N, C-alpha and C. Protein backbone atom coordinates (compact mmCIF):
# COMPACT_ATOMS: atom_id res chain seq x y z
N MET A 1 -14.99 7.81 -3.72
CA MET A 1 -15.28 7.19 -5.01
C MET A 1 -16.26 6.03 -4.82
N THR A 2 -17.19 5.95 -5.72
CA THR A 2 -18.10 4.81 -5.71
C THR A 2 -17.53 3.71 -6.60
N ARG A 3 -18.02 2.51 -6.46
CA ARG A 3 -17.50 1.41 -7.24
C ARG A 3 -18.65 0.52 -7.69
N ARG A 4 -18.31 -0.46 -8.51
CA ARG A 4 -19.32 -1.39 -9.01
C ARG A 4 -19.84 -2.26 -7.86
N SER A 5 -20.94 -2.95 -8.11
CA SER A 5 -21.49 -3.83 -7.09
C SER A 5 -20.61 -5.06 -6.94
N GLY A 6 -20.77 -5.73 -5.81
CA GLY A 6 -19.94 -6.90 -5.52
C GLY A 6 -18.67 -6.50 -4.80
N PRO A 7 -17.86 -7.50 -4.43
CA PRO A 7 -16.62 -7.19 -3.70
C PRO A 7 -15.70 -6.27 -4.50
N ALA A 8 -15.06 -5.34 -3.82
CA ALA A 8 -14.08 -4.48 -4.47
C ALA A 8 -12.91 -5.31 -4.98
N ARG A 9 -12.42 -4.95 -6.14
CA ARG A 9 -11.30 -5.66 -6.75
C ARG A 9 -10.00 -4.98 -6.36
N LEU A 10 -9.12 -5.72 -5.67
CA LEU A 10 -7.85 -5.19 -5.22
C LEU A 10 -6.71 -5.78 -6.04
N VAL A 11 -5.82 -4.93 -6.53
CA VAL A 11 -4.53 -5.38 -7.04
C VAL A 11 -3.49 -4.91 -6.05
N VAL A 12 -2.67 -5.84 -5.58
CA VAL A 12 -1.68 -5.54 -4.54
C VAL A 12 -0.29 -5.66 -5.16
N LEU A 13 0.55 -4.67 -4.89
CA LEU A 13 1.93 -4.64 -5.40
C LEU A 13 2.89 -4.90 -4.25
N VAL A 14 3.84 -5.82 -4.46
CA VAL A 14 4.77 -6.23 -3.41
C VAL A 14 6.19 -6.29 -3.94
N SER A 15 7.14 -6.25 -3.01
CA SER A 15 8.56 -6.41 -3.36
C SER A 15 9.28 -7.40 -2.47
N GLY A 16 8.62 -7.87 -1.39
CA GLY A 16 9.33 -8.70 -0.43
C GLY A 16 8.48 -9.78 0.18
N ALA A 17 8.47 -9.83 1.52
CA ALA A 17 7.86 -10.94 2.24
C ALA A 17 6.34 -10.99 2.13
N GLY A 18 5.71 -9.85 1.92
CA GLY A 18 4.28 -9.85 1.71
C GLY A 18 3.44 -10.05 2.95
N THR A 19 3.90 -9.57 4.11
CA THR A 19 3.09 -9.73 5.32
C THR A 19 1.82 -8.90 5.27
N ASN A 20 1.89 -7.70 4.72
CA ASN A 20 0.67 -6.91 4.57
C ASN A 20 -0.27 -7.55 3.55
N LEU A 21 0.29 -8.10 2.49
CA LEU A 21 -0.52 -8.83 1.53
C LEU A 21 -1.23 -9.99 2.20
N GLN A 22 -0.51 -10.75 3.03
CA GLN A 22 -1.14 -11.89 3.71
C GLN A 22 -2.29 -11.44 4.59
N ALA A 23 -2.11 -10.32 5.27
CA ALA A 23 -3.19 -9.80 6.12
C ALA A 23 -4.42 -9.47 5.28
N LEU A 24 -4.21 -8.91 4.10
CA LEU A 24 -5.34 -8.60 3.21
C LEU A 24 -5.97 -9.88 2.68
N LEU A 25 -5.16 -10.86 2.29
CA LEU A 25 -5.70 -12.14 1.82
C LEU A 25 -6.54 -12.81 2.90
N ASP A 26 -6.05 -12.77 4.13
CA ASP A 26 -6.80 -13.38 5.23
C ASP A 26 -8.13 -12.65 5.45
N ALA A 27 -8.09 -11.32 5.39
CA ALA A 27 -9.32 -10.55 5.58
C ALA A 27 -10.33 -10.82 4.47
N CYS A 28 -9.82 -10.93 3.23
CA CYS A 28 -10.71 -11.13 2.09
C CYS A 28 -11.37 -12.51 2.10
N ALA A 29 -10.86 -13.43 2.90
CA ALA A 29 -11.48 -14.75 3.00
C ALA A 29 -12.88 -14.67 3.61
N ASP A 30 -13.16 -13.59 4.33
CA ASP A 30 -14.48 -13.37 4.92
C ASP A 30 -15.31 -12.56 3.93
N PRO A 31 -16.40 -13.10 3.41
CA PRO A 31 -17.22 -12.35 2.44
C PRO A 31 -17.68 -10.99 2.96
N ALA A 32 -17.84 -10.87 4.27
CA ALA A 32 -18.30 -9.61 4.84
C ALA A 32 -17.27 -8.49 4.71
N TYR A 33 -16.01 -8.85 4.44
CA TYR A 33 -14.97 -7.83 4.31
C TYR A 33 -15.23 -6.91 3.12
N GLY A 34 -15.80 -7.44 2.06
CA GLY A 34 -16.21 -6.60 0.95
C GLY A 34 -15.19 -6.41 -0.15
N ALA A 35 -14.12 -7.21 -0.15
CA ALA A 35 -13.09 -7.06 -1.17
C ALA A 35 -12.47 -8.41 -1.47
N ARG A 36 -11.81 -8.49 -2.62
CA ARG A 36 -11.00 -9.66 -2.93
C ARG A 36 -9.78 -9.24 -3.71
N VAL A 37 -8.68 -9.93 -3.47
CA VAL A 37 -7.45 -9.65 -4.19
C VAL A 37 -7.52 -10.39 -5.51
N VAL A 38 -7.53 -9.64 -6.62
CA VAL A 38 -7.68 -10.25 -7.94
C VAL A 38 -6.33 -10.47 -8.63
N ALA A 39 -5.27 -9.82 -8.13
CA ALA A 39 -3.93 -10.02 -8.70
C ALA A 39 -2.90 -9.44 -7.75
N VAL A 40 -1.69 -10.01 -7.83
CA VAL A 40 -0.55 -9.50 -7.08
C VAL A 40 0.60 -9.29 -8.07
N GLY A 41 1.15 -8.09 -8.08
CA GLY A 41 2.25 -7.76 -8.96
C GLY A 41 3.52 -7.49 -8.17
N ALA A 42 4.66 -7.75 -8.79
CA ALA A 42 5.95 -7.53 -8.13
C ALA A 42 6.96 -6.99 -9.13
N ASP A 43 8.03 -6.42 -8.59
CA ASP A 43 9.11 -5.90 -9.42
C ASP A 43 10.31 -6.84 -9.45
N ARG A 44 10.18 -8.02 -8.82
CA ARG A 44 11.25 -9.00 -8.88
C ARG A 44 10.70 -10.40 -8.63
N ASP A 45 11.45 -11.38 -9.08
CA ASP A 45 11.04 -12.78 -8.96
C ASP A 45 11.43 -13.36 -7.60
N GLY A 46 10.88 -14.52 -7.31
CA GLY A 46 11.36 -15.34 -6.21
C GLY A 46 11.15 -14.80 -4.82
N ILE A 47 10.13 -13.98 -4.63
CA ILE A 47 9.88 -13.40 -3.32
C ILE A 47 8.70 -14.09 -2.64
N GLU A 48 8.69 -14.01 -1.34
CA GLU A 48 7.64 -14.68 -0.57
C GLU A 48 6.27 -14.07 -0.84
N GLY A 49 6.23 -12.78 -1.15
CA GLY A 49 4.95 -12.16 -1.47
C GLY A 49 4.25 -12.85 -2.63
N LEU A 50 5.01 -13.18 -3.68
CA LEU A 50 4.43 -13.90 -4.81
C LEU A 50 4.00 -15.31 -4.40
N ALA A 51 4.80 -15.96 -3.58
CA ALA A 51 4.45 -17.31 -3.11
C ALA A 51 3.16 -17.28 -2.31
N ARG A 52 2.98 -16.28 -1.49
CA ARG A 52 1.74 -16.15 -0.71
C ARG A 52 0.53 -16.06 -1.65
N ALA A 53 0.67 -15.25 -2.69
CA ALA A 53 -0.42 -15.11 -3.65
C ALA A 53 -0.71 -16.42 -4.35
N GLU A 54 0.35 -17.09 -4.78
CA GLU A 54 0.17 -18.36 -5.50
C GLU A 54 -0.48 -19.42 -4.62
N ARG A 55 -0.10 -19.45 -3.34
CA ARG A 55 -0.73 -20.42 -2.43
C ARG A 55 -2.21 -20.13 -2.24
N SER A 56 -2.60 -18.88 -2.42
CA SER A 56 -4.01 -18.50 -2.28
C SER A 56 -4.76 -18.56 -3.60
N GLY A 57 -4.07 -18.98 -4.67
CA GLY A 57 -4.74 -19.08 -5.96
C GLY A 57 -4.97 -17.75 -6.65
N VAL A 58 -4.18 -16.74 -6.28
CA VAL A 58 -4.33 -15.40 -6.86
C VAL A 58 -3.34 -15.24 -8.02
N PRO A 59 -3.79 -14.75 -9.17
CA PRO A 59 -2.88 -14.53 -10.29
C PRO A 59 -1.75 -13.56 -9.92
N THR A 60 -0.57 -13.78 -10.48
CA THR A 60 0.58 -12.92 -10.22
C THR A 60 1.22 -12.48 -11.53
N PHE A 61 1.97 -11.38 -11.45
CA PHE A 61 2.78 -10.94 -12.59
C PHE A 61 4.02 -10.26 -12.05
N VAL A 62 5.11 -10.32 -12.80
CA VAL A 62 6.38 -9.71 -12.42
C VAL A 62 6.84 -8.81 -13.56
N LEU A 63 7.16 -7.57 -13.22
CA LEU A 63 7.71 -6.62 -14.18
C LEU A 63 8.97 -6.02 -13.59
N ARG A 64 10.11 -6.43 -14.09
CA ARG A 64 11.39 -5.94 -13.60
C ARG A 64 11.80 -4.71 -14.39
N VAL A 65 12.28 -3.70 -13.69
CA VAL A 65 12.69 -2.47 -14.36
C VAL A 65 13.76 -2.76 -15.41
N ARG A 66 14.70 -3.61 -15.08
CA ARG A 66 15.82 -3.85 -16.00
C ARG A 66 15.40 -4.56 -17.29
N ASP A 67 14.21 -5.09 -17.34
CA ASP A 67 13.72 -5.74 -18.56
C ASP A 67 13.07 -4.77 -19.53
N HIS A 68 13.10 -3.49 -19.19
CA HIS A 68 12.46 -2.48 -20.04
C HIS A 68 13.49 -1.43 -20.46
N ALA A 69 13.20 -0.74 -21.53
CA ALA A 69 14.17 0.22 -22.09
C ALA A 69 14.51 1.34 -21.12
N ASP A 70 13.53 1.78 -20.36
CA ASP A 70 13.76 2.84 -19.37
C ASP A 70 12.60 2.81 -18.37
N ARG A 71 12.67 3.71 -17.40
CA ARG A 71 11.63 3.72 -16.36
C ARG A 71 10.26 4.05 -16.93
N ALA A 72 10.21 4.90 -17.95
CA ALA A 72 8.92 5.25 -18.55
C ALA A 72 8.28 4.02 -19.20
N ALA A 73 9.10 3.21 -19.86
CA ALA A 73 8.57 2.00 -20.48
C ALA A 73 8.10 1.01 -19.42
N TRP A 74 8.86 0.91 -18.34
CA TRP A 74 8.43 0.04 -17.23
C TRP A 74 7.12 0.53 -16.62
N ASP A 75 7.01 1.84 -16.44
CA ASP A 75 5.81 2.41 -15.85
C ASP A 75 4.60 2.15 -16.75
N ALA A 76 4.79 2.27 -18.06
CA ALA A 76 3.69 2.00 -18.99
C ALA A 76 3.27 0.53 -18.93
N ALA A 77 4.26 -0.36 -18.84
CA ALA A 77 3.95 -1.79 -18.75
C ALA A 77 3.24 -2.12 -17.44
N LEU A 78 3.69 -1.53 -16.36
CA LEU A 78 3.04 -1.75 -15.07
C LEU A 78 1.60 -1.23 -15.09
N THR A 79 1.41 -0.07 -15.67
CA THR A 79 0.07 0.51 -15.78
C THR A 79 -0.86 -0.43 -16.54
N ASP A 80 -0.39 -0.93 -17.68
CA ASP A 80 -1.23 -1.82 -18.49
C ASP A 80 -1.52 -3.13 -17.76
N ALA A 81 -0.51 -3.67 -17.08
CA ALA A 81 -0.70 -4.94 -16.38
C ALA A 81 -1.74 -4.81 -15.27
N VAL A 82 -1.63 -3.76 -14.47
CA VAL A 82 -2.59 -3.56 -13.38
C VAL A 82 -3.98 -3.26 -13.94
N ALA A 83 -4.04 -2.42 -14.96
CA ALA A 83 -5.34 -2.05 -15.53
C ALA A 83 -6.08 -3.25 -16.09
N SER A 84 -5.35 -4.26 -16.56
CA SER A 84 -5.99 -5.43 -17.15
C SER A 84 -6.84 -6.20 -16.14
N PHE A 85 -6.59 -5.99 -14.85
CA PHE A 85 -7.38 -6.66 -13.82
C PHE A 85 -8.54 -5.80 -13.30
N GLU A 86 -8.73 -4.63 -13.91
CA GLU A 86 -9.85 -3.74 -13.59
C GLU A 86 -10.00 -3.50 -12.08
N PRO A 87 -8.97 -2.99 -11.42
CA PRO A 87 -9.06 -2.82 -9.97
C PRO A 87 -9.93 -1.63 -9.56
N ASP A 88 -10.59 -1.80 -8.45
CA ASP A 88 -11.23 -0.67 -7.79
C ASP A 88 -10.21 0.09 -6.93
N LEU A 89 -9.23 -0.66 -6.43
CA LEU A 89 -8.23 -0.08 -5.54
C LEU A 89 -6.91 -0.80 -5.80
N VAL A 90 -5.83 -0.03 -5.90
CA VAL A 90 -4.48 -0.59 -6.03
C VAL A 90 -3.76 -0.32 -4.72
N VAL A 91 -3.20 -1.37 -4.13
CA VAL A 91 -2.57 -1.26 -2.82
C VAL A 91 -1.08 -1.55 -2.95
N SER A 92 -0.26 -0.58 -2.59
CA SER A 92 1.18 -0.80 -2.49
C SER A 92 1.45 -1.38 -1.11
N ALA A 93 1.90 -2.63 -1.07
CA ALA A 93 2.13 -3.32 0.21
C ALA A 93 3.60 -3.72 0.27
N GLY A 94 4.45 -2.75 0.59
CA GLY A 94 5.88 -3.02 0.60
C GLY A 94 6.47 -3.02 -0.80
N PHE A 95 5.85 -2.32 -1.73
CA PHE A 95 6.37 -2.20 -3.10
C PHE A 95 7.46 -1.13 -3.10
N MET A 96 8.68 -1.52 -3.45
CA MET A 96 9.83 -0.64 -3.24
C MET A 96 10.22 0.17 -4.47
N LYS A 97 9.35 0.23 -5.45
CA LYS A 97 9.59 1.07 -6.62
C LYS A 97 8.57 2.21 -6.65
N LEU A 98 9.04 3.38 -7.07
CA LEU A 98 8.14 4.51 -7.23
C LEU A 98 7.41 4.38 -8.57
N ALA A 99 6.10 4.35 -8.52
CA ALA A 99 5.33 4.33 -9.76
C ALA A 99 5.49 5.68 -10.45
N GLY A 100 5.49 5.65 -11.77
CA GLY A 100 5.69 6.87 -12.54
C GLY A 100 4.40 7.62 -12.80
N PRO A 101 4.51 8.72 -13.54
CA PRO A 101 3.35 9.60 -13.74
C PRO A 101 2.19 8.96 -14.47
N SER A 102 2.47 8.08 -15.44
CA SER A 102 1.35 7.47 -16.16
C SER A 102 0.56 6.54 -15.25
N PHE A 103 1.26 5.82 -14.38
CA PHE A 103 0.57 4.93 -13.44
C PHE A 103 -0.26 5.74 -12.45
N VAL A 104 0.34 6.77 -11.87
CA VAL A 104 -0.36 7.59 -10.88
C VAL A 104 -1.58 8.25 -11.52
N ALA A 105 -1.44 8.71 -12.76
CA ALA A 105 -2.58 9.34 -13.43
C ALA A 105 -3.69 8.34 -13.72
N ARG A 106 -3.32 7.14 -14.16
CA ARG A 106 -4.33 6.13 -14.52
C ARG A 106 -5.15 5.72 -13.30
N PHE A 107 -4.48 5.63 -12.14
CA PHE A 107 -5.16 5.16 -10.93
C PHE A 107 -5.32 6.27 -9.89
N ALA A 108 -5.44 7.47 -10.36
CA ALA A 108 -5.56 8.64 -9.48
C ALA A 108 -6.73 8.47 -8.51
N GLY A 109 -6.44 8.69 -7.24
CA GLY A 109 -7.47 8.61 -6.23
C GLY A 109 -7.79 7.22 -5.76
N ARG A 110 -7.18 6.19 -6.37
CA ARG A 110 -7.45 4.81 -5.95
C ARG A 110 -6.18 3.96 -5.87
N PHE A 111 -5.05 4.61 -5.67
CA PHE A 111 -3.77 3.95 -5.45
C PHE A 111 -3.29 4.37 -4.07
N VAL A 112 -3.18 3.41 -3.14
CA VAL A 112 -2.87 3.74 -1.75
C VAL A 112 -1.59 3.05 -1.31
N ASN A 113 -0.95 3.66 -0.31
CA ASN A 113 0.32 3.16 0.20
C ASN A 113 0.38 3.44 1.69
N THR A 114 1.22 2.70 2.39
CA THR A 114 1.45 2.97 3.81
C THR A 114 2.86 3.51 4.01
N HIS A 115 3.05 4.21 5.12
CA HIS A 115 4.37 4.75 5.46
C HIS A 115 4.57 4.63 6.96
N PRO A 116 5.78 4.21 7.41
CA PRO A 116 6.01 3.99 8.84
C PRO A 116 6.40 5.25 9.61
N ALA A 117 5.56 6.26 9.50
CA ALA A 117 5.71 7.50 10.28
C ALA A 117 4.41 8.27 10.14
N LEU A 118 4.28 9.33 10.93
CA LEU A 118 3.09 10.16 10.86
C LEU A 118 3.37 11.30 9.89
N LEU A 119 3.07 11.06 8.63
CA LEU A 119 3.28 12.09 7.61
C LEU A 119 2.49 13.35 7.95
N PRO A 120 3.02 14.54 7.60
CA PRO A 120 4.15 14.78 6.70
C PRO A 120 5.53 14.67 7.37
N SER A 121 5.61 14.26 8.62
CA SER A 121 6.91 14.07 9.25
C SER A 121 7.60 12.82 8.72
N PHE A 122 8.89 12.91 8.52
CA PHE A 122 9.76 11.76 8.22
C PHE A 122 9.33 10.97 6.99
N PRO A 123 9.20 11.63 5.84
CA PRO A 123 8.94 10.90 4.60
C PRO A 123 10.21 10.17 4.15
N GLY A 124 10.07 9.37 3.09
CA GLY A 124 11.24 8.70 2.53
C GLY A 124 11.42 7.29 3.05
N MET A 125 12.59 6.75 2.80
CA MET A 125 12.85 5.33 3.01
C MET A 125 13.08 4.93 4.46
N HIS A 126 13.33 5.88 5.36
CA HIS A 126 13.80 5.53 6.71
C HIS A 126 12.95 6.21 7.78
N GLY A 127 11.62 6.06 7.66
CA GLY A 127 10.72 6.76 8.57
C GLY A 127 10.96 6.45 10.03
N ALA A 128 11.11 5.18 10.38
CA ALA A 128 11.30 4.81 11.78
C ALA A 128 12.65 5.30 12.29
N ALA A 129 13.70 5.11 11.50
CA ALA A 129 15.04 5.55 11.91
C ALA A 129 15.10 7.07 12.06
N ASP A 130 14.48 7.78 11.14
CA ASP A 130 14.49 9.24 11.21
C ASP A 130 13.73 9.74 12.43
N ALA A 131 12.61 9.12 12.74
CA ALA A 131 11.84 9.52 13.92
C ALA A 131 12.65 9.27 15.19
N LEU A 132 13.31 8.13 15.26
CA LEU A 132 14.11 7.80 16.43
C LEU A 132 15.28 8.76 16.57
N ALA A 133 15.94 9.05 15.47
CA ALA A 133 17.08 9.97 15.51
C ALA A 133 16.67 11.38 15.92
N TYR A 134 15.46 11.78 15.56
CA TYR A 134 14.99 13.12 15.90
C TYR A 134 14.59 13.23 17.36
N GLY A 135 14.29 12.07 17.97
CA GLY A 135 13.93 12.07 19.38
C GLY A 135 12.47 12.30 19.68
N VAL A 136 11.59 12.05 18.70
CA VAL A 136 10.17 12.23 18.97
C VAL A 136 9.69 11.19 19.99
N LYS A 137 8.63 11.51 20.68
CA LYS A 137 8.05 10.60 21.67
C LYS A 137 6.90 9.78 21.11
N VAL A 138 6.34 10.24 19.98
CA VAL A 138 5.25 9.54 19.32
C VAL A 138 5.52 9.54 17.82
N THR A 139 5.41 8.38 17.21
CA THR A 139 5.44 8.27 15.76
C THR A 139 4.27 7.40 15.36
N GLY A 140 4.36 6.66 14.26
CA GLY A 140 3.21 5.83 13.91
C GLY A 140 3.23 5.41 12.47
N ALA A 141 2.04 5.22 11.90
CA ALA A 141 1.88 4.75 10.53
C ALA A 141 0.80 5.58 9.84
N THR A 142 0.98 5.76 8.54
CA THR A 142 0.06 6.55 7.73
C THR A 142 -0.37 5.75 6.52
N LEU A 143 -1.65 5.80 6.19
CA LEU A 143 -2.17 5.30 4.93
C LEU A 143 -2.56 6.51 4.10
N PHE A 144 -2.06 6.57 2.86
CA PHE A 144 -2.30 7.76 2.06
C PHE A 144 -2.56 7.40 0.60
N VAL A 145 -3.16 8.35 -0.10
CA VAL A 145 -3.38 8.22 -1.54
C VAL A 145 -2.11 8.67 -2.25
N VAL A 146 -1.59 7.83 -3.12
CA VAL A 146 -0.33 8.16 -3.80
C VAL A 146 -0.57 9.25 -4.84
N ASP A 147 0.31 10.25 -4.83
CA ASP A 147 0.32 11.26 -5.88
C ASP A 147 1.70 11.29 -6.53
N GLU A 148 2.02 12.36 -7.23
CA GLU A 148 3.28 12.41 -7.97
C GLU A 148 4.49 12.60 -7.07
N GLY A 149 4.31 12.98 -5.82
CA GLY A 149 5.43 13.21 -4.93
C GLY A 149 5.83 11.95 -4.18
N VAL A 150 6.78 12.11 -3.26
CA VAL A 150 7.23 11.00 -2.41
C VAL A 150 6.57 11.15 -1.04
N ASP A 151 5.59 10.30 -0.77
CA ASP A 151 4.88 10.31 0.52
C ASP A 151 4.17 11.65 0.77
N THR A 152 3.64 12.24 -0.30
CA THR A 152 3.02 13.57 -0.18
C THR A 152 1.52 13.56 -0.42
N GLY A 153 0.92 12.41 -0.73
CA GLY A 153 -0.48 12.38 -1.11
C GLY A 153 -1.44 12.58 0.05
N PRO A 154 -2.71 12.79 -0.25
CA PRO A 154 -3.73 12.99 0.78
C PRO A 154 -3.77 11.82 1.78
N ILE A 155 -3.87 12.17 3.04
CA ILE A 155 -3.83 11.18 4.11
C ILE A 155 -5.23 10.60 4.34
N ILE A 156 -5.30 9.27 4.35
CA ILE A 156 -6.55 8.57 4.58
C ILE A 156 -6.73 8.25 6.07
N ALA A 157 -5.67 7.74 6.71
CA ALA A 157 -5.75 7.33 8.11
C ALA A 157 -4.35 7.34 8.71
N GLN A 158 -4.31 7.51 10.03
CA GLN A 158 -3.05 7.45 10.77
C GLN A 158 -3.29 6.77 12.11
N ARG A 159 -2.26 6.05 12.56
CA ARG A 159 -2.29 5.42 13.88
C ARG A 159 -0.99 5.76 14.60
N ALA A 160 -1.09 6.09 15.87
CA ALA A 160 0.07 6.51 16.64
C ALA A 160 0.75 5.34 17.34
N VAL A 161 2.06 5.45 17.50
CA VAL A 161 2.87 4.48 18.23
C VAL A 161 3.81 5.26 19.15
N ASP A 162 3.77 4.94 20.44
CA ASP A 162 4.68 5.58 21.38
C ASP A 162 6.10 5.09 21.15
N VAL A 163 7.06 5.99 21.31
CA VAL A 163 8.47 5.63 21.21
C VAL A 163 9.00 5.38 22.62
N ALA A 164 9.48 4.17 22.87
CA ALA A 164 10.01 3.82 24.20
C ALA A 164 11.46 4.31 24.34
N ASP A 165 11.86 4.56 25.58
CA ASP A 165 13.21 5.06 25.82
C ASP A 165 14.28 4.07 25.36
N ASP A 166 13.97 2.79 25.41
CA ASP A 166 14.97 1.78 25.03
C ASP A 166 14.78 1.26 23.61
N ASP A 167 13.95 1.93 22.81
CA ASP A 167 13.75 1.49 21.43
C ASP A 167 15.01 1.64 20.60
N ASP A 168 15.25 0.66 19.74
CA ASP A 168 16.16 0.85 18.63
C ASP A 168 15.32 0.83 17.35
N VAL A 169 15.97 1.00 16.20
CA VAL A 169 15.21 1.09 14.96
C VAL A 169 14.39 -0.17 14.72
N GLU A 170 14.97 -1.33 14.98
CA GLU A 170 14.27 -2.59 14.72
C GLU A 170 13.04 -2.76 15.61
N SER A 171 13.19 -2.50 16.90
CA SER A 171 12.06 -2.70 17.81
C SER A 171 10.94 -1.70 17.51
N LEU A 172 11.31 -0.46 17.22
CA LEU A 172 10.29 0.54 16.90
C LEU A 172 9.60 0.19 15.59
N HIS A 173 10.38 -0.20 14.59
CA HIS A 173 9.79 -0.50 13.29
C HIS A 173 8.84 -1.71 13.37
N GLU A 174 9.19 -2.70 14.20
CA GLU A 174 8.31 -3.85 14.34
C GLU A 174 6.96 -3.46 14.92
N ARG A 175 6.96 -2.58 15.93
CA ARG A 175 5.69 -2.14 16.51
C ARG A 175 4.90 -1.30 15.52
N ILE A 176 5.61 -0.47 14.76
CA ILE A 176 4.92 0.32 13.73
C ILE A 176 4.29 -0.60 12.70
N LYS A 177 5.02 -1.63 12.26
CA LYS A 177 4.49 -2.53 11.23
C LYS A 177 3.23 -3.25 11.69
N THR A 178 3.17 -3.60 12.96
CA THR A 178 1.96 -4.25 13.49
C THR A 178 0.76 -3.33 13.39
N VAL A 179 0.94 -2.08 13.79
CA VAL A 179 -0.14 -1.09 13.73
C VAL A 179 -0.49 -0.77 12.28
N GLU A 180 0.55 -0.67 11.45
CA GLU A 180 0.35 -0.38 10.03
C GLU A 180 -0.51 -1.44 9.36
N ARG A 181 -0.23 -2.70 9.67
CA ARG A 181 -0.96 -3.81 9.07
C ARG A 181 -2.43 -3.78 9.50
N GLU A 182 -2.66 -3.56 10.78
CA GLU A 182 -4.04 -3.50 11.28
C GLU A 182 -4.80 -2.35 10.62
N MET A 183 -4.15 -1.20 10.50
CA MET A 183 -4.77 -0.03 9.88
C MET A 183 -5.10 -0.30 8.42
N LEU A 184 -4.15 -0.90 7.70
CA LEU A 184 -4.36 -1.18 6.29
C LEU A 184 -5.58 -2.07 6.08
N VAL A 185 -5.66 -3.15 6.82
CA VAL A 185 -6.78 -4.08 6.67
C VAL A 185 -8.10 -3.39 7.03
N ASP A 186 -8.12 -2.67 8.13
CA ASP A 186 -9.34 -2.00 8.56
C ASP A 186 -9.81 -0.98 7.52
N VAL A 187 -8.91 -0.12 7.09
CA VAL A 187 -9.32 1.00 6.23
C VAL A 187 -9.60 0.55 4.80
N VAL A 188 -8.82 -0.36 4.27
CA VAL A 188 -9.12 -0.87 2.93
C VAL A 188 -10.49 -1.55 2.92
N GLY A 189 -10.82 -2.26 3.99
CA GLY A 189 -12.14 -2.86 4.10
C GLY A 189 -13.24 -1.82 4.10
N ARG A 190 -13.04 -0.77 4.87
CA ARG A 190 -14.05 0.29 4.93
C ARG A 190 -14.20 0.99 3.58
N MET A 191 -13.07 1.26 2.91
CA MET A 191 -13.13 1.88 1.59
C MET A 191 -13.84 0.97 0.60
N SER A 192 -13.57 -0.31 0.69
CA SER A 192 -14.19 -1.27 -0.21
C SER A 192 -15.69 -1.35 -0.03
N ARG A 193 -16.11 -1.33 1.22
CA ARG A 193 -17.55 -1.47 1.51
C ARG A 193 -18.32 -0.18 1.32
N ASP A 194 -17.71 0.95 1.67
CA ASP A 194 -18.45 2.20 1.77
C ASP A 194 -18.06 3.25 0.75
N GLY A 195 -16.95 3.03 0.01
CA GLY A 195 -16.47 4.06 -0.91
C GLY A 195 -15.75 5.17 -0.16
N TRP A 196 -15.31 6.18 -0.89
CA TRP A 196 -14.59 7.28 -0.27
C TRP A 196 -14.63 8.49 -1.19
N THR A 197 -14.39 9.66 -0.61
CA THR A 197 -14.33 10.90 -1.38
C THR A 197 -13.02 11.61 -1.06
N ILE A 198 -12.53 12.37 -2.03
CA ILE A 198 -11.33 13.19 -1.86
C ILE A 198 -11.67 14.60 -2.28
N ASN A 199 -11.62 15.53 -1.34
CA ASN A 199 -11.84 16.94 -1.61
C ASN A 199 -10.61 17.71 -1.16
N ASP A 200 -9.89 18.30 -2.13
CA ASP A 200 -8.59 18.90 -1.85
C ASP A 200 -7.72 17.80 -1.22
N ARG A 201 -7.32 17.96 0.04
CA ARG A 201 -6.50 16.95 0.68
C ARG A 201 -7.30 16.15 1.72
N ARG A 202 -8.58 16.31 1.76
CA ARG A 202 -9.39 15.63 2.77
C ARG A 202 -10.02 14.36 2.19
N VAL A 203 -9.65 13.23 2.77
CA VAL A 203 -10.21 11.95 2.35
C VAL A 203 -11.25 11.54 3.39
N THR A 204 -12.45 11.24 2.90
CA THR A 204 -13.55 10.87 3.79
C THR A 204 -14.11 9.53 3.38
N ILE A 205 -14.28 8.66 4.36
CA ILE A 205 -14.97 7.38 4.16
C ILE A 205 -16.31 7.51 4.86
N PRO A 206 -17.43 7.41 4.13
CA PRO A 206 -18.74 7.64 4.76
C PRO A 206 -18.98 6.76 5.99
């Protein structure tokens, strides 16, 4: 996808500590990165991710599911809130709610998320634990375009992480998160500067 001139506009969605958000904020401080975070949205109050945004002077908004009549109403409100910032790219950075069909349709092809496994293996909430339980020797992190499924969208990038014999879920997940963060910053920067295309399931960054 091509975008307007100037830095790409990123809206980042968070639910917790916001370490991936902080990595993006730090990267965007360099004009050569080619992007800026124009808003940070969350599904709950009082989280460090929102505090990180506020310390950086980035506008924030909170939309709690329980404040809406149903999930469809929440999804419509989230869609409108994000759209108001005219993003080139929407980044799920530890956002723990599944966006609904109206959101996915509105931002089709420009809503990205990370997953702590090498998709299509080990989708869902427990990628690192599932990989460890299965006994694989290599796992990793995936950046993908969000579609209507759960961790089923076209894959943009993947990075591998070796599984050590003495790994537990926490140690493995920490190493995955480090690689995931580096991948997210690198690839979002490349997408912002160079654009991207999606043909069937193949995502290409020129």
